[in-house]
Amino acid sequence: MLSSFQESSPAGERLIAIAVLNMFLNANHLDWLAERMDPEQEKPFVAYHAAVALLDGVVNLPAENCAGLRDALARARELALRLKGDPDRLT
């Protein structure tokens, strides 16, 4: 059901997918989490929780996921920079 929540239109259902990934993070979903930082595509609350899940990946994913995590974090930062006037979101 994770993929159906990820592809869902309502933000609340995407938030469910993020909550699941926050509890059971899988490196295959790092790019999807990073894309949640796009201010044109996602609500700030949802983006925040995606960022929390990415942070959890930094702390808990095995070292072999370092390159994928680095790429996802770079993409998340690139997208977050699009939101002008909200420095807290980038932090």
PDB file of N, CA and C in Angstrom:
ATOM      1  N   MET A   1       0.802  -1.194   0.000  1.00  0.00           N
ATOM      2  CA  MET A   1       0.000   0.000   0.000  1.00  0.00           C
ATOM      3  C   MET A   1       0.849   1.263   0.000  1.00  0.00           C
ATOM      4  N   LEU A   2       2.133   1.133   0.333  1.00  0.00           N
ATOM      5  CA  LEU A   2       2.998   2.300   0.402  1.00  0.00           C
ATOM      6  C   LEU A   2       3.006   3.064  -0.917  1.00  0.00           C
ATOM      7  N   SER A   3       3.146   2.355  -2.017  1.00  0.00           N
ATOM      8  CA  SER A   3       3.210   3.045  -3.313  1.00  0.00           C
ATOM      9  C   SER A   3       1.906   3.772  -3.635  1.00  0.00           C
ATOM     10  N   SER A   4       0.768   3.222  -3.228  1.00  0.00           N
ATOM     11  CA  SER A   4      -0.490   3.920  -3.492  1.00  0.00           C
ATOM     12  C   SER A   4      -0.587   5.192  -2.657  1.00  0.00           C
ATOM     13  N   PHE A   5      -0.074   5.183  -1.443  1.00  0.00           N
ATOM     14  CA  PHE A   5      -0.054   6.396  -0.630  1.00  0.00           C
ATOM     15  C   PHE A   5       0.934   7.415  -1.205  1.00  0.00           C
ATOM     16  N   GLN A   6       2.060   6.951  -1.704  1.00  0.00           N
ATOM     17  CA  GLN A   6       3.048   7.854  -2.290  1.00  0.00           C
ATOM     18  C   GLN A   6       2.499   8.574  -3.513  1.00  0.00           C
ATOM     19  N   GLU A   7       1.691   7.895  -4.293  1.00  0.00           N
ATOM     20  CA  GLU A   7       1.163   8.447  -5.539  1.00  0.00           C
ATOM     21  C   GLU A   7      -0.175   9.160  -5.361  1.00  0.00           C
ATOM     22  N   SER A   8      -0.666   9.211  -4.144  1.00  0.00           N
ATOM     23  CA  SER A   8      -1.978   9.773  -3.877  1.00  0.00           C
ATOM     24  C   SER A   8      -2.005  11.289  -4.013  1.00  0.00           C
ATOM     25  N   SER A   9      -3.139  11.818  -4.415  1.00  0.00           N
ATOM     26  CA  SER A   9      -3.314  13.270  -4.532  1.00  0.00           C
ATOM     27  C   SER A   9      -3.434  13.967  -3.181  1.00  0.00           C
ATOM     28  N   PRO A  10      -4.233  13.458  -2.249  1.00  0.00           N
ATOM     29  CA  PRO A  10      -4.341  14.153  -0.966  1.00  0.00           C
ATOM     30  C   PRO A  10      -3.026  14.150  -0.183  1.00  0.00           C
ATOM     31  N   ALA A  11      -2.660  15.318   0.312  1.00  0.00           N
ATOM     32  CA  ALA A  11      -1.410  15.455   1.068  1.00  0.00           C
ATOM     33  C   ALA A  11      -1.387  14.543   2.288  1.00  0.00           C
ATOM     34  N   GLY A  12      -2.538  14.340   2.911  1.00  0.00           N
ATOM     35  CA  GLY A  12      -2.596  13.487   4.095  1.00  0.00           C
ATOM     36  C   GLY A  12      -2.199  12.051   3.807  1.00  0.00           C
ATOM     37  N   GLU A  13      -2.528  11.576   2.629  1.00  0.00           N
ATOM     38  CA  GLU A  13      -2.149  10.206   2.275  1.00  0.00           C
ATOM     39  C   GLU A  13      -0.657  10.111   1.968  1.00  0.00           C
ATOM     40  N   ARG A  14      -0.096  11.147   1.367  1.00  0.00           N
ATOM     41  CA  ARG A  14       1.366  11.158   1.177  1.00  0.00           C
ATOM     42  C   ARG A  14       2.066  11.230   2.530  1.00  0.00           C
ATOM     43  N   LEU A  15       1.461  11.932   3.464  1.00  0.00           N
ATOM     44  CA  LEU A  15       2.005  12.009   4.813  1.00  0.00           C
ATOM     45  C   LEU A  15       2.014  10.631   5.480  1.00  0.00           C
ATOM     46  N   ILE A  16       1.011   9.827   5.202  1.00  0.00           N
ATOM     47  CA  ILE A  16       0.997   8.448   5.709  1.00  0.00           C
ATOM     48  C   ILE A  16       2.199   7.686   5.164  1.00  0.00           C
ATOM     49  N   ALA A  17       2.485   7.848   3.872  1.00  0.00           N
ATOM     50  CA  ALA A  17       3.642   7.175   3.275  1.00  0.00           C
ATOM     51  C   ALA A  17       4.930   7.627   3.956  1.00  0.00           C
ATOM     52  N   ILE A  18       5.025   8.914   4.234  1.00  0.00           N
ATOM     53  CA  ILE A  18       6.219   9.442   4.908  1.00  0.00           C
ATOM     54  C   ILE A  18       6.328   8.868   6.313  1.00  0.00           C
ATOM     55  N   ALA A  19       5.213   8.769   7.026  1.00  0.00           N
ATOM     56  CA  ALA A  19       5.227   8.205   8.374  1.00  0.00           C
ATOM     57  C   ALA A  19       5.694   6.748   8.354  1.00  0.00           C
ATOM     58  N   VAL A  20       5.223   6.001   7.382  1.00  0.00           N
ATOM     59  CA  VAL A  20       5.660   4.600   7.252  1.00  0.00           C
ATOM     60  C   VAL A  20       7.163   4.547   6.986  1.00  0.00           C
ATOM     61  N   LEU A  21       7.628   5.404   6.065  1.00  0.00           N
ATOM     62  CA  LEU A  21       9.062   5.411   5.750  1.00  0.00           C
ATOM     63  C   LEU A  21       9.886   5.908   6.924  1.00  0.00           C
ATOM     64  N   ASN A  22       9.334   6.788   7.724  1.00  0.00           N
ATOM     65  CA  ASN A  22      10.056   7.255   8.900  1.00  0.00           C
ATOM     66  C   ASN A  22      10.260   6.112   9.897  1.00  0.00           C
ATOM     67  N   MET A  23       9.304   5.207   9.963  1.00  0.00           N
ATOM     68  CA  MET A  23       9.409   4.069  10.871  1.00  0.00           C
ATOM     69  C   MET A  23      10.220   2.928  10.265  1.00  0.00           C
ATOM     70  N   PHE A  24      10.087   2.723   8.955  1.00  0.00           N
ATOM     71  CA  PHE A  24      10.730   1.593   8.274  1.00  0.00           C
ATOM     72  C   PHE A  24      11.418   2.104   7.016  1.00  0.00           C
ATOM     73  N   LEU A  25      12.417   2.933   7.189  1.00  0.00           N
ATOM     74  CA  LEU A  25      13.056   3.573   6.035  1.00  0.00           C
ATOM     75  C   LEU A  25      13.743   2.554   5.144  1.00  0.00           C
ATOM     76  N   ASN A  26      13.478   2.715   3.868  1.00  0.00           N
ATOM     77  CA  ASN A  26      14.075   1.871   2.844  1.00  0.00           C
ATOM     78  C   ASN A  26      14.816   2.813   1.897  1.00  0.00           C
ATOM     79  N   ALA A  27      16.071   2.539   1.636  1.00  0.00           N
ATOM     80  CA  ALA A  27      16.892   3.416   0.805  1.00  0.00           C
ATOM     81  C   ALA A  27      16.318   3.599  -0.600  1.00  0.00           C
ATOM     82  N   ASN A  28      15.479   2.697  -1.051  1.00  0.00           N
ATOM     83  CA  ASN A  28      14.872   2.822  -2.375  1.00  0.00           C
ATOM     84  C   ASN A  28      13.897   3.999  -2.463  1.00  0.00           C
ATOM     85  N   HIS A  29      13.529   4.581  -1.331  1.00  0.00           N
ATOM     86  CA  HIS A  29      12.551   5.663  -1.317  1.00  0.00           C
ATOM     87  C   HIS A  29      13.166   7.014  -0.962  1.00  0.00           C
ATOM     88  N   LEU A  30      14.476   7.096  -0.892  1.00  0.00           N
ATOM     89  CA  LEU A  30      15.136   8.360  -0.534  1.00  0.00           C
ATOM     90  C   LEU A  30      14.847   9.458  -1.545  1.00  0.00           C
ATOM     91  N   ASP A  31      14.869   9.129  -2.820  1.00  0.00           N
ATOM     92  CA  ASP A  31      14.599  10.141  -3.850  1.00  0.00           C
ATOM     93  C   ASP A  31      13.176  10.672  -3.742  1.00  0.00           C
ATOM     94  N   TRP A  32      12.235   9.788  -3.457  1.00  0.00           N
ATOM     95  CA  TRP A  32      10.849  10.230  -3.312  1.00  0.00           C
ATOM     96  C   TRP A  32      10.718  11.182  -2.121  1.00  0.00           C
ATOM     97  N   LEU A  33      11.378  10.859  -1.023  1.00  0.00           N
ATOM     98  CA  LEU A  33      11.351  11.751   0.134  1.00  0.00           C
ATOM     99  C   LEU A  33      11.957  13.105  -0.210  1.00  0.00           C
ATOM    100  N   ALA A  34      13.062  13.099  -0.930  1.00  0.00           N
ATOM    101  CA  ALA A  34      13.703  14.364  -1.316  1.00  0.00           C
ATOM    102  C   ALA A  34      12.767  15.210  -2.168  1.00  0.00           C
ATOM    103  N   GLU A  35      12.019  14.595  -3.054  1.00  0.00           N
ATOM    104  CA  GLU A  35      11.107  15.324  -3.928  1.00  0.00           C
ATOM    105  C   GLU A  35       9.973  16.000  -3.151  1.00  0.00           C
ATOM    106  N   ARG A  36       9.696  15.538  -1.950  1.00  0.00           N
ATOM    107  CA  ARG A  36       8.654  16.162  -1.125  1.00  0.00           C
ATOM    108  C   ARG A  36       9.066  17.568  -0.695  1.00  0.00           C
ATOM    109  N   MET A  37      10.321  17.943  -0.867  1.00  0.00           N
ATOM    110  CA  MET A  37      10.782  19.272  -0.476  1.00  0.00           C
ATOM    111  C   MET A  37      10.449  20.335  -1.519  1.00  0.00           C
ATOM    112  N   ASP A  38       9.878  19.941  -2.634  1.00  0.00           N
ATOM    113  CA  ASP A  38       9.528  20.892  -3.693  1.00  0.00           C
ATOM    114  C   ASP A  38       8.354  21.754  -3.249  1.00  0.00           C
ATOM    115  N   PRO A  39       8.568  23.060  -3.048  1.00  0.00           N
ATOM    116  CA  PRO A  39       7.487  23.917  -2.556  1.00  0.00           C
ATOM    117  C   PRO A  39       6.341  24.093  -3.555  1.00  0.00           C
ATOM    118  N   GLU A  40       6.576  23.774  -4.801  1.00  0.00           N
ATOM    119  CA  GLU A  40       5.512  23.866  -5.803  1.00  0.00           C
ATOM    120  C   GLU A  40       4.641  22.615  -5.836  1.00  0.00           C
ATOM    121  N   GLN A  41       5.124  21.552  -5.212  1.00  0.00           N
ATOM    122  CA  GLN A  41       4.410  20.282  -5.260  1.00  0.00           C
ATOM    123  C   GLN A  41       3.869  19.831  -3.910  1.00  0.00           C
ATOM    124  N   GLU A  42       4.409  20.377  -2.828  1.00  0.00           N
ATOM    125  CA  GLU A  42       4.100  19.819  -1.522  1.00  0.00           C
ATOM    126  C   GLU A  42       3.814  20.884  -0.480  1.00  0.00           C
ATOM    127  N   LYS A  43       2.966  20.563   0.453  1.00  0.00           N
ATOM    128  CA  LYS A  43       2.647  21.428   1.579  1.00  0.00           C
ATOM    129  C   LYS A  43       3.834  21.451   2.551  1.00  0.00           C
ATOM    130  N   PRO A  44       4.076  22.591   3.215  1.00  0.00           N
ATOM    131  CA  PRO A  44       5.209  22.687   4.141  1.00  0.00           C
ATOM    132  C   PRO A  44       5.209  21.618   5.236  1.00  0.00           C
ATOM    133  N   PHE A  45       4.049  21.292   5.763  1.00  0.00           N
ATOM    134  CA  PHE A  45       3.975  20.290   6.832  1.00  0.00           C
ATOM    135  C   PHE A  45       4.446  18.928   6.334  1.00  0.00           C
ATOM    136  N   VAL A  46       4.055  18.570   5.143  1.00  0.00           N
ATOM    137  CA  VAL A  46       4.458  17.293   4.554  1.00  0.00           C
ATOM    138  C   VAL A  46       5.961  17.314   4.268  1.00  0.00           C
ATOM    139  N   ALA A  47       6.451  18.424   3.729  1.00  0.00           N
ATOM    140  CA  ALA A  47       7.875  18.548   3.440  1.00  0.00           C
ATOM    141  C   ALA A  47       8.705  18.428   4.709  1.00  0.00           C
ATOM    142  N   TYR A  48       8.247  19.032   5.785  1.00  0.00           N
ATOM    143  CA  TYR A  48       8.962  18.946   7.060  1.00  0.00           C
ATOM    144  C   TYR A  48       9.121  17.490   7.487  1.00  0.00           C
ATOM    145  N   HIS A  49       8.058  16.723   7.417  1.00  0.00           N
ATOM    146  CA  HIS A  49       8.122  15.328   7.851  1.00  0.00           C
ATOM    147  C   HIS A  49       8.986  14.487   6.909  1.00  0.00           C
ATOM    148  N   ALA A  50       9.018  14.842   5.645  1.00  0.00           N
ATOM    149  CA  ALA A  50       9.932  14.162   4.719  1.00  0.00           C
ATOM    150  C   ALA A  50      11.375  14.463   5.109  1.00  0.00           C
ATOM    151  N   ALA A  51      11.649  15.704   5.495  1.00  0.00           N
ATOM    152  CA  ALA A  51      12.993  16.076   5.940  1.00  0.00           C
ATOM    153  C   ALA A  51      13.374  15.315   7.204  1.00  0.00           C
ATOM    154  N   VAL A  52      12.423  15.136   8.110  1.00  0.00           N
ATOM    155  CA  VAL A  52      12.680  14.362   9.329  1.00  0.00           C
ATOM    156  C   VAL A  52      13.013  12.914   8.974  1.00  0.00           C
ATOM    157  N   ALA A  53      12.299  12.352   8.017  1.00  0.00           N
ATOM    158  CA  ALA A  53      12.578  10.979   7.584  1.00  0.00           C
ATOM    159  C   ALA A  53      13.963  10.880   6.948  1.00  0.00           C
ATOM    160  N   LEU A  54      14.357  11.888   6.163  1.00  0.00           N
ATOM    161  CA  LEU A  54      15.707  11.893   5.586  1.00  0.00           C
ATOM    162  C   LEU A  54      16.762  11.989   6.677  1.00  0.00           C
ATOM    163  N   LEU A  55      16.511  12.807   7.677  1.00  0.00           N
ATOM    164  CA  LEU A  55      17.443  12.905   8.803  1.00  0.00           C
ATOM    165  C   LEU A  55      17.569  11.564   9.508  1.00  0.00           C
ATOM    166  N   ASP A  56      16.467  10.875   9.663  1.00  0.00           N
ATOM    167  CA  ASP A  56      16.494   9.547  10.268  1.00  0.00           C
ATOM    168  C   ASP A  56      17.364   8.606   9.430  1.00  0.00           C
ATOM    169  N   GLY A  57      17.319   8.778   8.116  1.00  0.00           N
ATOM    170  CA  GLY A  57      18.172   7.976   7.246  1.00  0.00           C
ATOM    171  C   GLY A  57      19.645   8.252   7.478  1.00  0.00           C
ATOM    172  N   VAL A  58      19.988   9.502   7.708  1.00  0.00           N
ATOM    173  CA  VAL A  58      21.384   9.866   7.999  1.00  0.00           C
ATOM    174  C   VAL A  58      21.853   9.123   9.243  1.00  0.00           C
ATOM    175  N   VAL A  59      20.993   9.039  10.221  1.00  0.00           N
ATOM    176  CA  VAL A  59      21.361   8.431  11.497  1.00  0.00           C
ATOM    177  C   VAL A  59      21.327   6.911  11.446  1.00  0.00           C
ATOM    178  N   ASN A  60      20.357   6.339  10.736  1.00  0.00           N
ATOM    179  CA  ASN A  60      20.097   4.905  10.883  1.00  0.00           C
ATOM    180  C   ASN A  60      20.386   4.012   9.686  1.00  0.00           C
ATOM    181  N   LEU A  61      20.517   4.568   8.492  1.00  0.00           N
ATOM    182  CA  LEU A  61      20.794   3.686   7.353  1.00  0.00           C
ATOM    183  C   LEU A  61      22.233   3.202   7.380  1.00  0.00           C
ATOM    184  N   PRO A  62      22.482   2.011   6.892  1.00  0.00           N
ATOM    185  CA  PRO A  62      23.848   1.485   6.845  1.00  0.00           C
ATOM    186  C   PRO A  62      24.743   2.320   5.926  1.00  0.00           C
ATOM    187  N   ALA A  63      26.024   2.219   6.153  1.00  0.00           N
ATOM    188  CA  ALA A  63      27.009   3.018   5.410  1.00  0.00           C
ATOM    189  C   ALA A  63      26.937   2.787   3.900  1.00  0.00           C
ATOM    190  N   GLU A  64      26.517   1.628   3.451  1.00  0.00           N
ATOM    191  CA  GLU A  64      26.451   1.378   2.010  1.00  0.00           C
ATOM    192  C   GLU A  64      25.411   2.258   1.310  1.00  0.00           C
ATOM    193  N   ASN A  65      24.551   2.904   2.064  1.00  0.00           N
ATOM    194  CA  ASN A  65      23.555   3.813   1.495  1.00  0.00           C
ATOM    195  C   ASN A  65      24.018   5.264   1.479  1.00  0.00           C
ATOM    196  N   CYS A  66      25.260   5.492   1.839  1.00  0.00           N
ATOM    197  CA  CYS A  66      25.784   6.854   1.969  1.00  0.00           C
ATOM    198  C   CYS A  66      25.674   7.646   0.660  1.00  0.00           C
ATOM    199  N   ALA A  67      26.041   7.063  -0.452  1.00  0.00           N
ATOM    200  CA  ALA A  67      26.002   7.780  -1.733  1.00  0.00           C
ATOM    201  C   ALA A  67      24.569   8.153  -2.115  1.00  0.00           C
ATOM    202  N   GLY A  68      23.650   7.230  -1.985  1.00  0.00           N
ATOM    203  CA  GLY A  68      22.256   7.518  -2.296  1.00  0.00           C
ATOM    204  C   GLY A  68      21.663   8.560  -1.369  1.00  0.00           C
ATOM    205  N   LEU A  69      22.046   8.495  -0.118  1.00  0.00           N
ATOM    206  CA  LEU A  69      21.575   9.476   0.853  1.00  0.00           C
ATOM    207  C   LEU A  69      22.146  10.853   0.552  1.00  0.00           C
ATOM    208  N   ARG A  70      23.408  10.903   0.183  1.00  0.00           N
ATOM    209  CA  ARG A  70      24.044  12.177  -0.181  1.00  0.00           C
ATOM    210  C   ARG A  70      23.325  12.804  -1.383  1.00  0.00           C
ATOM    211  N   ASP A  71      23.004  11.989  -2.375  1.00  0.00           N
ATOM    212  CA  ASP A  71      22.292  12.493  -3.560  1.00  0.00           C
ATOM    213  C   ASP A  71      20.895  12.993  -3.191  1.00  0.00           C
ATOM    214  N   ALA A  72      20.191  12.238  -2.362  1.00  0.00           N
ATOM    215  CA  ALA A  72      18.846  12.640  -1.955  1.00  0.00           C
ATOM    216  C   ALA A  72      18.881  13.934  -1.150  1.00  0.00           C
ATOM    217  N   LEU A  73      19.855  14.073  -0.269  1.00  0.00           N
ATOM    218  CA  LEU A  73      19.965  15.298   0.524  1.00  0.00           C
ATOM    219  C   LEU A  73      20.305  16.500  -0.357  1.00  0.00           C
ATOM    220  N   ALA A  74      21.151  16.298  -1.349  1.00  0.00           N
ATOM    221  CA  ALA A  74      21.486  17.388  -2.270  1.00  0.00           C
ATOM    222  C   ALA A  74      20.250  17.816  -3.053  1.00  0.00           C
ATOM    223  N   ARG A  75      19.453  16.859  -3.491  1.00  0.00           N
ATOM    224  CA  ARG A  75      18.226  17.183  -4.215  1.00  0.00           C
ATOM    225  C   ARG A  75      17.220  17.886  -3.301  1.00  0.00           C
ATOM    226  N   ALA A  76      17.090  17.414  -2.076  1.00  0.00           N
ATOM    227  CA  ALA A  76      16.178  18.040  -1.123  1.00  0.00           C
ATOM    228  C   ALA A  76      16.581  19.489  -0.878  1.00  0.00           C
ATOM    229  N   ARG A  77      17.858  19.735  -0.724  1.00  0.00           N
ATOM    230  CA  ARG A  77      18.340  21.097  -0.493  1.00  0.00           C
ATOM    231  C   ARG A  77      18.078  21.980  -1.719  1.00  0.00           C
ATOM    232  N   GLU A  78      18.337  21.445  -2.889  1.00  0.00           N
ATOM    233  CA  GLU A  78      18.091  22.187  -4.132  1.00  0.00           C
ATOM    234  C   GLU A  78      16.623  22.611  -4.229  1.00  0.00           C
ATOM    235  N   LEU A  79      15.729  21.700  -3.911  1.00  0.00           N
ATOM    236  CA  LEU A  79      14.298  22.008  -3.966  1.00  0.00           C
ATOM    237  C   LEU A  79      13.897  22.987  -2.869  1.00  0.00           C
ATOM    238  N   ALA A  80      14.441  22.817  -1.680  1.00  0.00           N
ATOM    239  CA  ALA A  80      14.099  23.703  -0.564  1.00  0.00           C
ATOM    240  C   ALA A  80      14.549  25.132  -0.837  1.00  0.00           C
ATOM    241  N   LEU A  81      15.630  25.296  -1.576  1.00  0.00           N
ATOM    242  CA  LEU A  81      16.116  26.643  -1.900  1.00  0.00           C
ATOM    243  C   LEU A  81      15.152  27.411  -2.798  1.00  0.00           C
ATOM    244  N   ARG A  82      14.230  26.720  -3.436  1.00  0.00           N
ATOM    245  CA  ARG A  82      13.243  27.380  -4.296  1.00  0.00           C
ATOM    246  C   ARG A  82      12.234  28.200  -3.496  1.00  0.00           C
ATOM    247  N   LEU A  83      12.103  27.864  -2.231  1.00  0.00           N
ATOM    248  CA  LEU A  83      11.143  28.576  -1.400  1.00  0.00           C
ATOM    249  C   LEU A  83      11.835  29.789  -0.798  1.00  0.00           C
ATOM    250  N   LYS A  84      11.521  30.936  -1.329  1.00  0.00           N
ATOM    251  CA  LYS A  84      12.126  32.182  -0.865  1.00  0.00           C
ATOM    252  C   LYS A  84      11.355  32.693   0.355  1.00  0.00           C
ATOM    253  N   GLY A  85      12.081  33.330   1.262  1.00  0.00           N
ATOM    254  CA  GLY A  85      11.438  33.967   2.404  1.00  0.00           C
ATOM    255  C   GLY A  85      11.068  33.021   3.532  1.00  0.00           C
ATOM    256  N   ASP A  86      11.604  31.797   3.526  1.00  0.00           N
ATOM    257  CA  ASP A  86      11.317  30.850   4.614  1.00  0.00           C
ATOM    258  C   ASP A  86      12.599  30.121   4.988  1.00  0.00           C
ATOM    259  N   PRO A  87      13.555  30.818   5.635  1.00  0.00           N
ATOM    260  CA  PRO A  87      14.830  30.192   5.962  1.00  0.00           C
ATOM    261  C   PRO A  87      14.701  29.012   6.924  1.00  0.00           C
ATOM    262  N   ASP A  88      13.649  28.998   7.742  1.00  0.00           N
ATOM    263  CA  ASP A  88      13.471  27.878   8.679  1.00  0.00           C
ATOM    264  C   ASP A  88      13.248  26.557   7.934  1.00  0.00           C
ATOM    265  N   ARG A  89      12.575  26.624   6.794  1.00  0.00           N
ATOM    266  CA  ARG A  89      12.313  25.403   6.044  1.00  0.00           C
ATOM    267  C   ARG A  89      13.617  24.800   5.538  1.00  0.00           C
ATOM    268  N   LEU A  90      14.528  25.632   5.082  1.00  0.00           N
ATOM    269  CA  LEU A  90      15.804  25.135   4.602  1.00  0.00           C
ATOM    270  C   LEU A  90      16.636  24.571   5.748  1.00  0.00           C
ATOM    271  N   THR A  91      16.621  25.245   6.864  1.00  0.00           N
ATOM    272  CA  THR A  91      17.382  24.768   8.032  1.00  0.00           C
ATOM    273  C   THR A  91      16.881  23.420   8.468  1.00  0.00           C
TER     274      THR A  91
END
